[in-house]
PDB file of all heavy atoms in Angstrom:
ATOM      1  N   GLY A   1    -182.772 -64.783  15.537  1.00  0.00           N
ATOM      2  CA  GLY A   1    -182.040 -66.046  15.536  1.00  0.00           C
ATOM      3  C   GLY A   1    -181.868 -66.604  14.144  1.00  0.00           C
ATOM      4  O   GLY A   1    -182.105 -65.909  13.150  1.00  0.00           O
ATOM      5  N   TRP A   2    -181.466 -67.873  14.082  1.00  0.00           N
ATOM      6  CA  TRP A   2    -181.274 -68.538  12.795  1.00  0.00           C
ATOM      7  C   TRP A   2    -181.619 -70.018  12.912  1.00  0.00           C
ATOM      8  O   TRP A   2    -181.668 -70.583  14.013  1.00  0.00           O
ATOM      9  CB  TRP A   2    -179.838 -68.356  12.295  1.00  0.00           C
ATOM     10  CG  TRP A   2    -178.774 -68.982  13.158  1.00  0.00           C
ATOM     11  CD1 TRP A   2    -178.317 -70.280  13.130  1.00  0.00           C
ATOM     12  CD2 TRP A   2    -178.005 -68.323  14.183  1.00  0.00           C
ATOM     13  NE1 TRP A   2    -177.318 -70.467  14.063  1.00  0.00           N
ATOM     14  CE2 TRP A   2    -177.114 -69.283  14.711  1.00  0.00           C
ATOM     15  CE3 TRP A   2    -177.983 -67.022  14.697  1.00  0.00           C
ATOM     16  CZ2 TRP A   2    -176.205 -68.973  15.730  1.00  0.00           C
ATOM     17  CZ3 TRP A   2    -177.079 -66.718  15.707  1.00  0.00           C
ATOM     18  CH2 TRP A   2    -176.208 -67.693  16.213  1.00  0.00           C
ATOM     19  N   HIS A   3    -181.854 -70.630  11.762  1.00  0.00           N
ATOM     20  CA  HIS A   3    -182.199 -72.060  11.712  1.00  0.00           C
ATOM     21  C   HIS A   3    -181.643 -72.640  10.413  1.00  0.00           C
ATOM     22  O   HIS A   3    -181.903 -72.132   9.324  1.00  0.00           O
ATOM     23  CB  HIS A   3    -183.717 -72.246  11.759  1.00  0.00           C
ATOM     24  CG  HIS A   3    -184.145 -73.669  11.615  1.00  0.00           C
ATOM     25  ND1 HIS A   3    -183.995 -74.608  12.618  1.00  0.00           N
ATOM     26  CD2 HIS A   3    -184.719 -74.332  10.572  1.00  0.00           C
ATOM     27  CE1 HIS A   3    -184.456 -75.772  12.199  1.00  0.00           C
ATOM     28  NE2 HIS A   3    -184.891 -75.643  10.960  1.00  0.00           N
ATOM     29  N   TRP A   4    -180.869 -73.722  10.532  1.00  0.00           N
ATOM     30  CA  TRP A   4    -180.295 -74.426   9.383  1.00  0.00           C
ATOM     31  C   TRP A   4    -180.811 -75.850   9.411  1.00  0.00           C
ATOM     32  O   TRP A   4    -180.598 -76.592  10.378  1.00  0.00           O
ATOM     33  CB  TRP A   4    -178.762 -74.388   9.453  1.00  0.00           C
ATOM     34  CG  TRP A   4    -178.051 -75.374   8.567  1.00  0.00           C
ATOM     35  CD1 TRP A   4    -177.270 -76.414   8.970  1.00  0.00           C
ATOM     36  CD2 TRP A   4    -178.031 -75.395   7.135  1.00  0.00           C
ATOM     37  NE1 TRP A   4    -176.759 -77.091   7.898  1.00  0.00           N
ATOM     38  CE2 TRP A   4    -177.212 -76.494   6.742  1.00  0.00           C
ATOM     39  CE3 TRP A   4    -178.636 -74.627   6.142  1.00  0.00           C
ATOM     40  CZ2 TRP A   4    -176.989 -76.814   5.410  1.00  0.00           C
ATOM     41  CZ3 TRP A   4    -178.401 -74.946   4.818  1.00  0.00           C
ATOM     42  CH2 TRP A   4    -177.585 -76.031   4.460  1.00  0.00           C
ATOM     43  N   ASP A   5    -181.520 -76.276   8.348  1.00  0.00           N
ATOM     44  CA  ASP A   5    -182.111 -77.613   8.314  1.00  0.00           C
ATOM     45  C   ASP A   5    -181.368 -78.566   7.377  1.00  0.00           C
ATOM     46  O   ASP A   5    -181.850 -79.661   7.080  1.00  0.00           O
ATOM     47  CB  ASP A   5    -183.582 -77.531   7.905  1.00  0.00           C
ATOM     48  CG  ASP A   5    -183.782 -76.976   6.501  1.00  0.00           C
ATOM     49  OD1 ASP A   5    -182.787 -76.772   5.763  1.00  0.00           O
ATOM     50  OD2 ASP A   5    -184.946 -76.734   6.127  1.00  0.00           O
ATOM     51  N   GLY A   6    -180.204 -78.153   6.918  1.00  0.00           N
ATOM     52  CA  GLY A   6    -179.442 -78.997   6.012  1.00  0.00           C
ATOM     53  C   GLY A   6    -179.596 -78.616   4.559  1.00  0.00           C
ATOM     54  O   GLY A   6    -178.785 -79.007   3.717  1.00  0.00           O
ATOM     55  N   ALA A   7    -180.637 -77.848   4.255  1.00  0.00           N
ATOM     56  CA  ALA A   7    -180.847 -77.390   2.881  1.00  0.00           C
ATOM     57  C   ALA A   7    -181.024 -75.880   2.799  1.00  0.00           C
ATOM     58  O   ALA A   7    -180.608 -75.249   1.834  1.00  0.00           O
ATOM     59  CB  ALA A   7    -182.068 -78.073   2.268  1.00  0.00           C
ATOM     60  N   THR A   8    -181.641 -75.301   3.843  1.00  0.00           N
ATOM     61  CA  THR A   8    -181.937 -73.868   3.838  1.00  0.00           C
ATOM     62  C   THR A   8    -181.494 -73.259   5.159  1.00  0.00           C
ATOM     63  O   THR A   8    -181.825 -73.776   6.234  1.00  0.00           O
ATOM     64  CB  THR A   8    -183.441 -73.615   3.643  1.00  0.00           C
ATOM     65  OG1 THR A   8    -183.873 -74.212   2.424  1.00  0.00           O
ATOM     66  CG2 THR A   8    -183.740 -72.128   3.616  1.00  0.00           C
ATOM     67  N   LEU A   9    -180.766 -72.170   5.065  1.00  0.00           N
ATOM     68  CA  LEU A   9    -180.422 -71.382   6.247  1.00  0.00           C
ATOM     69  C   LEU A   9    -181.345 -70.172   6.278  1.00  0.00           C
ATOM     70  O   LEU A   9    -181.447 -69.432   5.300  1.00  0.00           O
ATOM     71  CB  LEU A   9    -178.962 -70.913   6.186  1.00  0.00           C
ATOM     72  CG  LEU A   9    -178.535 -69.941   7.303  1.00  0.00           C
ATOM     73  CD1 LEU A   9    -178.635 -70.607   8.669  1.00  0.00           C
ATOM     74  CD2 LEU A   9    -177.113 -69.429   7.047  1.00  0.00           C
ATOM     75  N   GLN A  10    -182.023 -69.994   7.405  1.00  0.00           N
ATOM     76  CA  GLN A  10    -182.917 -68.842   7.544  1.00  0.00           C
ATOM     77  C   GLN A  10    -182.538 -68.038   8.771  1.00  0.00           C
ATOM     78  O   GLN A  10    -182.422 -68.569   9.867  1.00  0.00           O
ATOM     79  CB  GLN A  10    -184.376 -69.290   7.652  1.00  0.00           C
ATOM     80  CG  GLN A  10    -185.344 -68.113   7.746  1.00  0.00           C
ATOM     81  CD  GLN A  10    -186.792 -68.529   7.653  1.00  0.00           C
ATOM     82  OE1 GLN A  10    -187.108 -69.699   7.751  1.00  0.00           O
ATOM     83  NE2 GLN A  10    -187.681 -67.566   7.481  1.00  0.00           N
ATOM     84  N   LEU A  11    -182.347 -66.737   8.567  1.00  0.00           N
ATOM     85  CA  LEU A  11    -182.152 -65.793   9.649  1.00  0.00           C
ATOM     86  C   LEU A  11    -183.455 -65.024   9.820  1.00  0.00           C
ATOM     87  O   LEU A  11    -184.131 -64.711   8.839  1.00  0.00           O
ATOM     88  CB  LEU A  11    -181.028 -64.799   9.324  1.00  0.00           C
ATOM     89  CG  LEU A  11    -179.574 -65.235   9.507  1.00  0.00           C
ATOM     90  CD1 LEU A  11    -179.253 -66.535   8.819  1.00  0.00           C
ATOM     91  CD2 LEU A  11    -178.628 -64.123   9.050  1.00  0.00           C
ATOM     92  N   PHE A  12    -183.822 -64.700  11.060  1.00  0.00           N
ATOM     93  CA  PHE A  12    -185.097 -64.035  11.299  1.00  0.00           C
ATOM     94  C   PHE A  12    -184.983 -63.090  12.481  1.00  0.00           C
ATOM     95  O   PHE A  12    -184.114 -63.241  13.339  1.00  0.00           O
ATOM     96  CB  PHE A  12    -186.202 -65.064  11.555  1.00  0.00           C
ATOM     97  CG  PHE A  12    -185.886 -66.028  12.671  1.00  0.00           C
ATOM     98  CD1 PHE A  12    -186.184 -65.729  13.988  1.00  0.00           C
ATOM     99  CD2 PHE A  12    -185.252 -67.252  12.399  1.00  0.00           C
ATOM    100  CE1 PHE A  12    -185.876 -66.619  15.013  1.00  0.00           C
ATOM    101  CE2 PHE A  12    -184.944 -68.145  13.420  1.00  0.00           C
ATOM    102  CZ  PHE A  12    -185.253 -67.828  14.734  1.00  0.00           C
ATOM    103  N   THR A  13    -185.869 -62.120  12.491  1.00  0.00           N
ATOM    104  CA  THR A  13    -185.948 -61.196  13.614  1.00  0.00           C
ATOM    105  C   THR A  13    -187.391 -60.791  13.820  1.00  0.00           C
ATOM    106  O   THR A  13    -188.280 -61.148  13.032  1.00  0.00           O
ATOM    107  CB  THR A  13    -185.058 -59.951  13.379  1.00  0.00           C
ATOM    108  OG1 THR A  13    -185.043 -59.149  14.561  1.00  0.00           O
ATOM    109  CG2 THR A  13    -185.570 -59.121  12.221  1.00  0.00           C
ATOM    110  N   ASP A  14    -187.655 -60.064  14.907  1.00  0.00           N
ATOM    111  CA  ASP A  14    -189.018 -59.685  15.262  1.00  0.00           C
ATOM    112  C   ASP A  14    -189.577 -58.640  14.297  1.00  0.00           C
ATOM    113  O   ASP A  14    -188.889 -58.166  13.394  1.00  0.00           O
ATOM    114  CB  ASP A  14    -189.055 -59.152  16.700  1.00  0.00           C
ATOM    115  CG  ASP A  14    -188.104 -57.976  16.886  1.00  0.00           C
ATOM    116  OD1 ASP A  14    -188.437 -56.861  16.449  1.00  0.00           O
ATOM    117  OD2 ASP A  14    -187.013 -58.171  17.465  1.00  0.00           O
ATOM    118  N   ARG A  15    -190.824 -58.266  14.498  1.00  0.00           N
ATOM    119  CA  ARG A  15    -191.526 -57.396  13.550  1.00  0.00           C
ATOM    120  C   ARG A  15    -190.876 -56.021  13.410  1.00  0.00           C
ATOM    121  O   ARG A  15    -191.062 -55.345  12.396  1.00  0.00           O
ATOM    122  CB  ARG A  15    -193.004 -57.257  13.959  1.00  0.00           C
ATOM    123  CG  ARG A  15    -193.241 -56.381  15.172  1.00  0.00           C
ATOM    124  CD  ARG A  15    -194.616 -56.606  15.817  1.00  0.00           C
ATOM    125  NE  ARG A  15    -195.733 -56.357  14.936  1.00  0.00           N
ATOM    126  CZ  ARG A  15    -196.599 -55.357  15.096  1.00  0.00           C
ATOM    127  NH1 ARG A  15    -196.435 -54.468  16.070  1.00  0.00           N
ATOM    128  NH2 ARG A  15    -197.636 -55.238  14.283  1.00  0.00           N
ATOM    129  N   TYR A  16    -190.130 -55.583  14.423  1.00  0.00           N
ATOM    130  CA  TYR A  16    -189.487 -54.280  14.343  1.00  0.00           C
ATOM    131  C   TYR A  16    -188.005 -54.369  13.958  1.00  0.00           C
ATOM    132  O   TYR A  16    -187.388 -53.344  13.664  1.00  0.00           O
ATOM    133  CB  TYR A  16    -189.571 -53.553  15.693  1.00  0.00           C
ATOM    134  CG  TYR A  16    -190.910 -53.629  16.368  1.00  0.00           C
ATOM    135  CD1 TYR A  16    -191.087 -54.403  17.513  1.00  0.00           C
ATOM    136  CD2 TYR A  16    -192.012 -52.934  15.873  1.00  0.00           C
ATOM    137  CE1 TYR A  16    -192.314 -54.469  18.154  1.00  0.00           C
ATOM    138  CE2 TYR A  16    -193.249 -53.005  16.500  1.00  0.00           C
ATOM    139  CZ  TYR A  16    -193.388 -53.781  17.643  1.00  0.00           C
ATOM    140  OH  TYR A  16    -194.604 -53.861  18.268  1.00  0.00           O
ATOM    141  N   GLY A  17    -187.438 -55.564  13.996  1.00  0.00           N
ATOM    142  CA  GLY A  17    -185.993 -55.679  13.829  1.00  0.00           C
ATOM    143  C   GLY A  17    -185.246 -55.055  14.991  1.00  0.00           C
ATOM    144  O   GLY A  17    -184.104 -54.617  14.852  1.00  0.00           O
ATOM    145  N   ILE A  18    -185.885 -55.026  16.157  1.00  0.00           N
ATOM    146  CA  ILE A  18    -185.302 -54.358  17.325  1.00  0.00           C
ATOM    147  C   ILE A  18    -184.157 -55.179  17.915  1.00  0.00           C
ATOM    148  O   ILE A  18    -183.124 -54.644  18.300  1.00  0.00           O
ATOM    149  CB  ILE A  18    -186.387 -54.119  18.400  1.00  0.00           C
ATOM    150  CG1 ILE A  18    -187.303 -52.971  17.968  1.00  0.00           C
ATOM    151  CG2 ILE A  18    -185.767 -53.831  19.757  1.00  0.00           C
ATOM    152  CD1 ILE A  18    -186.706 -51.601  18.068  1.00  0.00           C
ATOM    153  N   HIS A  19    -184.348 -56.510  17.997  1.00  0.00           N
ATOM    154  CA  HIS A  19    -183.272 -57.346  18.545  1.00  0.00           C
ATOM    155  C   HIS A  19    -182.225 -57.532  17.448  1.00  0.00           C
ATOM    156  O   HIS A  19    -182.485 -58.147  16.420  1.00  0.00           O
ATOM    157  CB  HIS A  19    -183.820 -58.706  18.986  1.00  0.00           C
ATOM    158  CG  HIS A  19    -182.927 -59.399  19.973  1.00  0.00           C
ATOM    159  ND1 HIS A  19    -181.620 -59.747  19.681  1.00  0.00           N
ATOM    160  CD2 HIS A  19    -183.144 -59.784  21.256  1.00  0.00           C
ATOM    161  CE1 HIS A  19    -181.081 -60.325  20.737  1.00  0.00           C
ATOM    162  NE2 HIS A  19    -181.972 -60.363  21.705  1.00  0.00           N
ATOM    163  N   PRO A  20    -181.025 -56.991  17.620  1.00  0.00           N
ATOM    164  CA  PRO A  20    -180.045 -57.012  16.517  1.00  0.00           C
ATOM    165  C   PRO A  20    -179.539 -58.418  16.210  1.00  0.00           C
ATOM    166  O   PRO A  20    -179.342 -59.245  17.101  1.00  0.00           O
ATOM    167  CB  PRO A  20    -178.917 -56.117  17.035  1.00  0.00           C
ATOM    168  CG  PRO A  20    -179.029 -56.181  18.529  1.00  0.00           C
ATOM    169  CD  PRO A  20    -180.494 -56.334  18.826  1.00  0.00           C
ATOM    170  N   LEU A  21    -179.339 -58.673  14.931  1.00  0.00           N
ATOM    171  CA  LEU A  21    -178.715 -59.905  14.461  1.00  0.00           C
ATOM    172  C   LEU A  21    -177.830 -59.528  13.273  1.00  0.00           C
ATOM    173  O   LEU A  21    -178.316 -58.986  12.281  1.00  0.00           O
ATOM    174  CB  LEU A  21    -179.764 -60.936  14.040  1.00  0.00           C
ATOM    175  CG  LEU A  21    -179.193 -62.334  13.727  1.00  0.00           C
ATOM    176  CD1 LEU A  21    -178.678 -63.001  15.004  1.00  0.00           C
ATOM    177  CD2 LEU A  21    -180.255 -63.219  13.077  1.00  0.00           C
ATOM    178  N   TYR A  22    -176.544 -59.813  13.395  1.00  0.00           N
ATOM    179  CA  TYR A  22    -175.567 -59.393  12.393  1.00  0.00           C
ATOM    180  C   TYR A  22    -175.139 -60.583  11.537  1.00  0.00           C
ATOM    181  O   TYR A  22    -175.080 -61.727  12.010  1.00  0.00           O
ATOM    182  CB  TYR A  22    -174.332 -58.791  13.077  1.00  0.00           C
ATOM    183  CG  TYR A  22    -174.662 -57.612  13.959  1.00  0.00           C
ATOM    184  CD1 TYR A  22    -174.849 -57.774  15.338  1.00  0.00           C
ATOM    185  CD2 TYR A  22    -174.814 -56.331  13.425  1.00  0.00           C
ATOM    186  CE1 TYR A  22    -175.164 -56.702  16.148  1.00  0.00           C
ATOM    187  CE2 TYR A  22    -175.132 -55.250  14.230  1.00  0.00           C
ATOM    188  CZ  TYR A  22    -175.301 -55.442  15.587  1.00  0.00           C
ATOM    189  OH  TYR A  22    -175.633 -54.372  16.395  1.00  0.00           O
ATOM    190  N   TYR A  23    -174.796 -60.300  10.283  1.00  0.00           N
ATOM    191  CA  TYR A  23    -174.341 -61.358   9.396  1.00  0.00           C
ATOM    192  C   TYR A  23    -173.352 -60.787   8.396  1.00  0.00           C
ATOM    193  O   TYR A  23    -173.311 -59.579   8.151  1.00  0.00           O
ATOM    194  CB  TYR A  23    -175.529 -61.996   8.659  1.00  0.00           C
ATOM    195  CG  TYR A  23    -176.202 -61.087   7.655  1.00  0.00           C
ATOM    196  CD1 TYR A  23    -175.824 -61.073   6.307  1.00  0.00           C
ATOM    197  CD2 TYR A  23    -177.211 -60.207   8.060  1.00  0.00           C
ATOM    198  CE1 TYR A  23    -176.433 -60.225   5.403  1.00  0.00           C
ATOM    199  CE2 TYR A  23    -177.825 -59.355   7.153  1.00  0.00           C
ATOM    200  CZ  TYR A  23    -177.433 -59.374   5.833  1.00  0.00           C
ATOM    201  OH  TYR A  23    -178.026 -58.518   4.923  1.00  0.00           O
ATOM    202  N   PHE A  24    -172.522 -61.675   7.840  1.00  0.00           N
ATOM    203  CA  PHE A  24    -171.673 -61.289   6.719  1.00  0.00           C
ATOM    204  C   PHE A  24    -171.754 -62.378   5.657  1.00  0.00           C
ATOM    205  O   PHE A  24    -171.979 -63.554   5.939  1.00  0.00           O
ATOM    206  CB  PHE A  24    -170.221 -61.046   7.153  1.00  0.00           C
ATOM    207  CG  PHE A  24    -169.420 -62.294   7.448  1.00  0.00           C
ATOM    208  CD1 PHE A  24    -168.686 -62.924   6.454  1.00  0.00           C
ATOM    209  CD2 PHE A  24    -169.381 -62.821   8.739  1.00  0.00           C
ATOM    210  CE1 PHE A  24    -167.944 -64.067   6.722  1.00  0.00           C
ATOM    211  CE2 PHE A  24    -168.644 -63.958   9.019  1.00  0.00           C
ATOM    212  CZ  PHE A  24    -167.926 -64.589   8.003  1.00  0.00           C
ATOM    213  N   TRP A  25    -171.579 -61.967   4.415  1.00  0.00           N
ATOM    214  CA  TRP A  25    -171.584 -62.873   3.272  1.00  0.00           C
ATOM    215  C   TRP A  25    -170.424 -62.487   2.375  1.00  0.00           C
ATOM    216  O   TRP A  25    -170.287 -61.331   1.976  1.00  0.00           O
ATOM    217  CB  TRP A  25    -172.901 -62.782   2.514  1.00  0.00           C
ATOM    218  CG  TRP A  25    -172.817 -63.239   1.078  1.00  0.00           C
ATOM    219  CD1 TRP A  25    -172.694 -62.454  -0.031  1.00  0.00           C
ATOM    220  CD2 TRP A  25    -172.815 -64.592   0.611  1.00  0.00           C
ATOM    221  NE1 TRP A  25    -172.612 -63.223  -1.163  1.00  0.00           N
ATOM    222  CE2 TRP A  25    -172.686 -64.544  -0.794  1.00  0.00           C
ATOM    223  CE3 TRP A  25    -172.906 -65.822   1.244  1.00  0.00           C
ATOM    224  CZ2 TRP A  25    -172.654 -65.687  -1.576  1.00  0.00           C
ATOM    225  CZ3 TRP A  25    -172.880 -66.949   0.460  1.00  0.00           C
ATOM    226  CH2 TRP A  25    -172.755 -66.896  -0.916  1.00  0.00           C
ATOM    227  N   THR A  26    -169.546 -63.434   2.086  1.00  0.00           N
ATOM    228  CA  THR A  26    -168.427 -63.137   1.207  1.00  0.00           C
ATOM    229  C   THR A  26    -167.954 -64.402   0.522  1.00  0.00           C
ATOM    230  O   THR A  26    -167.569 -65.371   1.181  1.00  0.00           O
ATOM    231  CB  THR A  26    -167.259 -62.482   1.984  1.00  0.00           C
ATOM    232  OG1 THR A  26    -166.151 -62.292   1.118  1.00  0.00           O
ATOM    233  CG2 THR A  26    -166.829 -63.301   3.189  1.00  0.00           C
ATOM    234  N   ASP A  27    -168.034 -64.435  -0.796  1.00  0.00           N
ATOM    235  CA  ASP A  27    -167.446 -65.498  -1.617  1.00  0.00           C
ATOM    236  C   ASP A  27    -167.802 -66.902  -1.124  1.00  0.00           C
ATOM    237  O   ASP A  27    -166.922 -67.733  -0.888  1.00  0.00           O
ATOM    238  CB  ASP A  27    -165.927 -65.337  -1.663  1.00  0.00           C
ATOM    239  CG  ASP A  27    -165.514 -64.076  -2.405  1.00  0.00           C
ATOM    240  OD1 ASP A  27    -166.236 -63.665  -3.322  1.00  0.00           O
ATOM    241  OD2 ASP A  27    -164.480 -63.500  -2.046  1.00  0.00           O
ATOM    242  N   GLY A  28    -169.098 -67.183  -0.950  1.00  0.00           N
ATOM    243  CA  GLY A  28    -169.532 -68.524  -0.590  1.00  0.00           C
ATOM    244  C   GLY A  28    -169.488 -68.848   0.882  1.00  0.00           C
ATOM    245  O   GLY A  28    -169.653 -70.005   1.270  1.00  0.00           O
ATOM    246  N   VAL A  29    -169.269 -67.846   1.744  1.00  0.00           N
ATOM    247  CA  VAL A  29    -169.241 -68.053   3.198  1.00  0.00           C
ATOM    248  C   VAL A  29    -170.225 -67.089   3.843  1.00  0.00           C
ATOM    249  O   VAL A  29    -170.212 -65.884   3.552  1.00  0.00           O
ATOM    250  CB  VAL A  29    -167.833 -67.805   3.773  1.00  0.00           C
ATOM    251  CG1 VAL A  29    -167.846 -67.971   5.294  1.00  0.00           C
ATOM    252  CG2 VAL A  29    -166.820 -68.752   3.152  1.00  0.00           C
ATOM    253  N   LEU A  30    -171.085 -67.611   4.710  1.00  0.00           N
ATOM    254  CA  LEU A  30    -172.015 -66.774   5.449  1.00  0.00           C
ATOM    255  C   LEU A  30    -171.817 -67.026   6.938  1.00  0.00           C
ATOM    256  O   LEU A  30    -171.765 -68.168   7.383  1.00  0.00           O
ATOM    257  CB  LEU A  30    -173.460 -67.074   5.057  1.00  0.00           C
ATOM    258  CG  LEU A  30    -174.514 -66.076   5.558  1.00  0.00           C
ATOM    259  CD1 LEU A  30    -175.653 -65.937   4.548  1.00  0.00           C
ATOM    260  CD2 LEU A  30    -175.091 -66.463   6.921  1.00  0.00           C
ATOM    261  N   GLY A  31    -171.711 -65.942   7.690  1.00  0.00           N
ATOM    262  CA  GLY A  31    -171.594 -66.038   9.142  1.00  0.00           C
ATOM    263  C   GLY A  31    -172.654 -65.195   9.811  1.00  0.00           C
ATOM    264  O   GLY A  31    -173.046 -64.138   9.294  1.00  0.00           O
ATOM    265  N   VAL A  32    -173.166 -65.639  10.958  1.00  0.00           N
ATOM    266  CA  VAL A  32    -174.220 -64.924  11.660  1.00  0.00           C
ATOM    267  C   VAL A  32    -173.985 -65.005  13.163  1.00  0.00           C
ATOM    268  O   VAL A  32    -173.517 -66.021  13.681  1.00  0.00           O
ATOM    269  CB  VAL A  32    -175.616 -65.488  11.296  1.00  0.00           C
ATOM    270  CG1 VAL A  32    -175.706 -66.988  11.581  1.00  0.00           C
ATOM    271  CG2 VAL A  32    -176.720 -64.734  12.032  1.00  0.00           C
ATOM    272  N   SER A  33    -174.292 -63.922  13.869  1.00  0.00           N
ATOM    273  CA  SER A  33    -174.166 -63.883  15.326  1.00  0.00           C
ATOM    274  C   SER A  33    -174.940 -62.692  15.864  1.00  0.00           C
ATOM    275  O   SER A  33    -175.198 -61.718  15.144  1.00  0.00           O
ATOM    276  CB  SER A  33    -172.701 -63.758  15.749  1.00  0.00           C
ATOM    277  OG  SER A  33    -172.584 -63.700  17.164  1.00  0.00           O
ATOM    278  N   ARG A  34    -175.298 -62.769  17.120  1.00  0.00           N
ATOM    279  CA  ARG A  34    -175.860 -61.606  17.810  1.00  0.00           C
ATOM    280  C   ARG A  34    -174.767 -60.562  18.059  1.00  0.00           C
ATOM    281  O   ARG A  34    -175.061 -59.364  18.157  1.00  0.00           O
ATOM    282  CB  ARG A  34    -176.473 -62.066  19.136  1.00  0.00           C
ATOM    283  CG  ARG A  34    -176.633 -61.001  20.226  1.00  0.00           C
ATOM    284  CD  ARG A  34    -177.560 -59.883  19.818  1.00  0.00           C
ATOM    285  NE  ARG A  34    -177.546 -58.802  20.796  1.00  0.00           N
ATOM    286  CZ  ARG A  34    -176.701 -57.784  20.798  1.00  0.00           C
ATOM    287  NH1 ARG A  34    -175.764 -57.690  19.878  1.00  0.00           N
ATOM    288  NH2 ARG A  34    -176.778 -56.840  21.702  1.00  0.00           N
ATOM    289  N   SER A  35    -173.521 -60.984  18.136  1.00  0.00           N
ATOM    290  CA  SER A  35    -172.418 -60.091  18.504  1.00  0.00           C
ATOM    291  C   SER A  35    -171.575 -59.745  17.290  1.00  0.00           C
ATOM    292  O   SER A  35    -171.016 -60.630  16.644  1.00  0.00           O
ATOM    293  CB  SER A  35    -171.542 -60.757  19.574  1.00  0.00           C
ATOM    294  OG  SER A  35    -170.324 -60.064  19.728  1.00  0.00           O
ATOM    295  N   LEU A  36    -171.451 -58.462  17.002  1.00  0.00           N
ATOM    296  CA  LEU A  36    -170.603 -58.041  15.900  1.00  0.00           C
ATOM    297  C   LEU A  36    -169.119 -58.329  16.170  1.00  0.00           C
ATOM    298  O   LEU A  36    -168.413 -58.808  15.276  1.00  0.00           O
ATOM    299  CB  LEU A  36    -170.849 -56.558  15.594  1.00  0.00           C
ATOM    300  CG  LEU A  36    -170.200 -55.973  14.347  1.00  0.00           C
ATOM    301  CD1 LEU A  36    -171.061 -54.859  13.768  1.00  0.00           C
ATOM    302  CD2 LEU A  36    -168.811 -55.447  14.622  1.00  0.00           C
TER     303      LEU A  36
END
């Protein structure tokens, strides 16, 4: 999942990274979702 507190965006996953979480970063834009 992810958590945004207004200052820091954190993406996280379990100890194995088994549950997929996808993200993209390009020129000042970050997007995250479970679904590609």
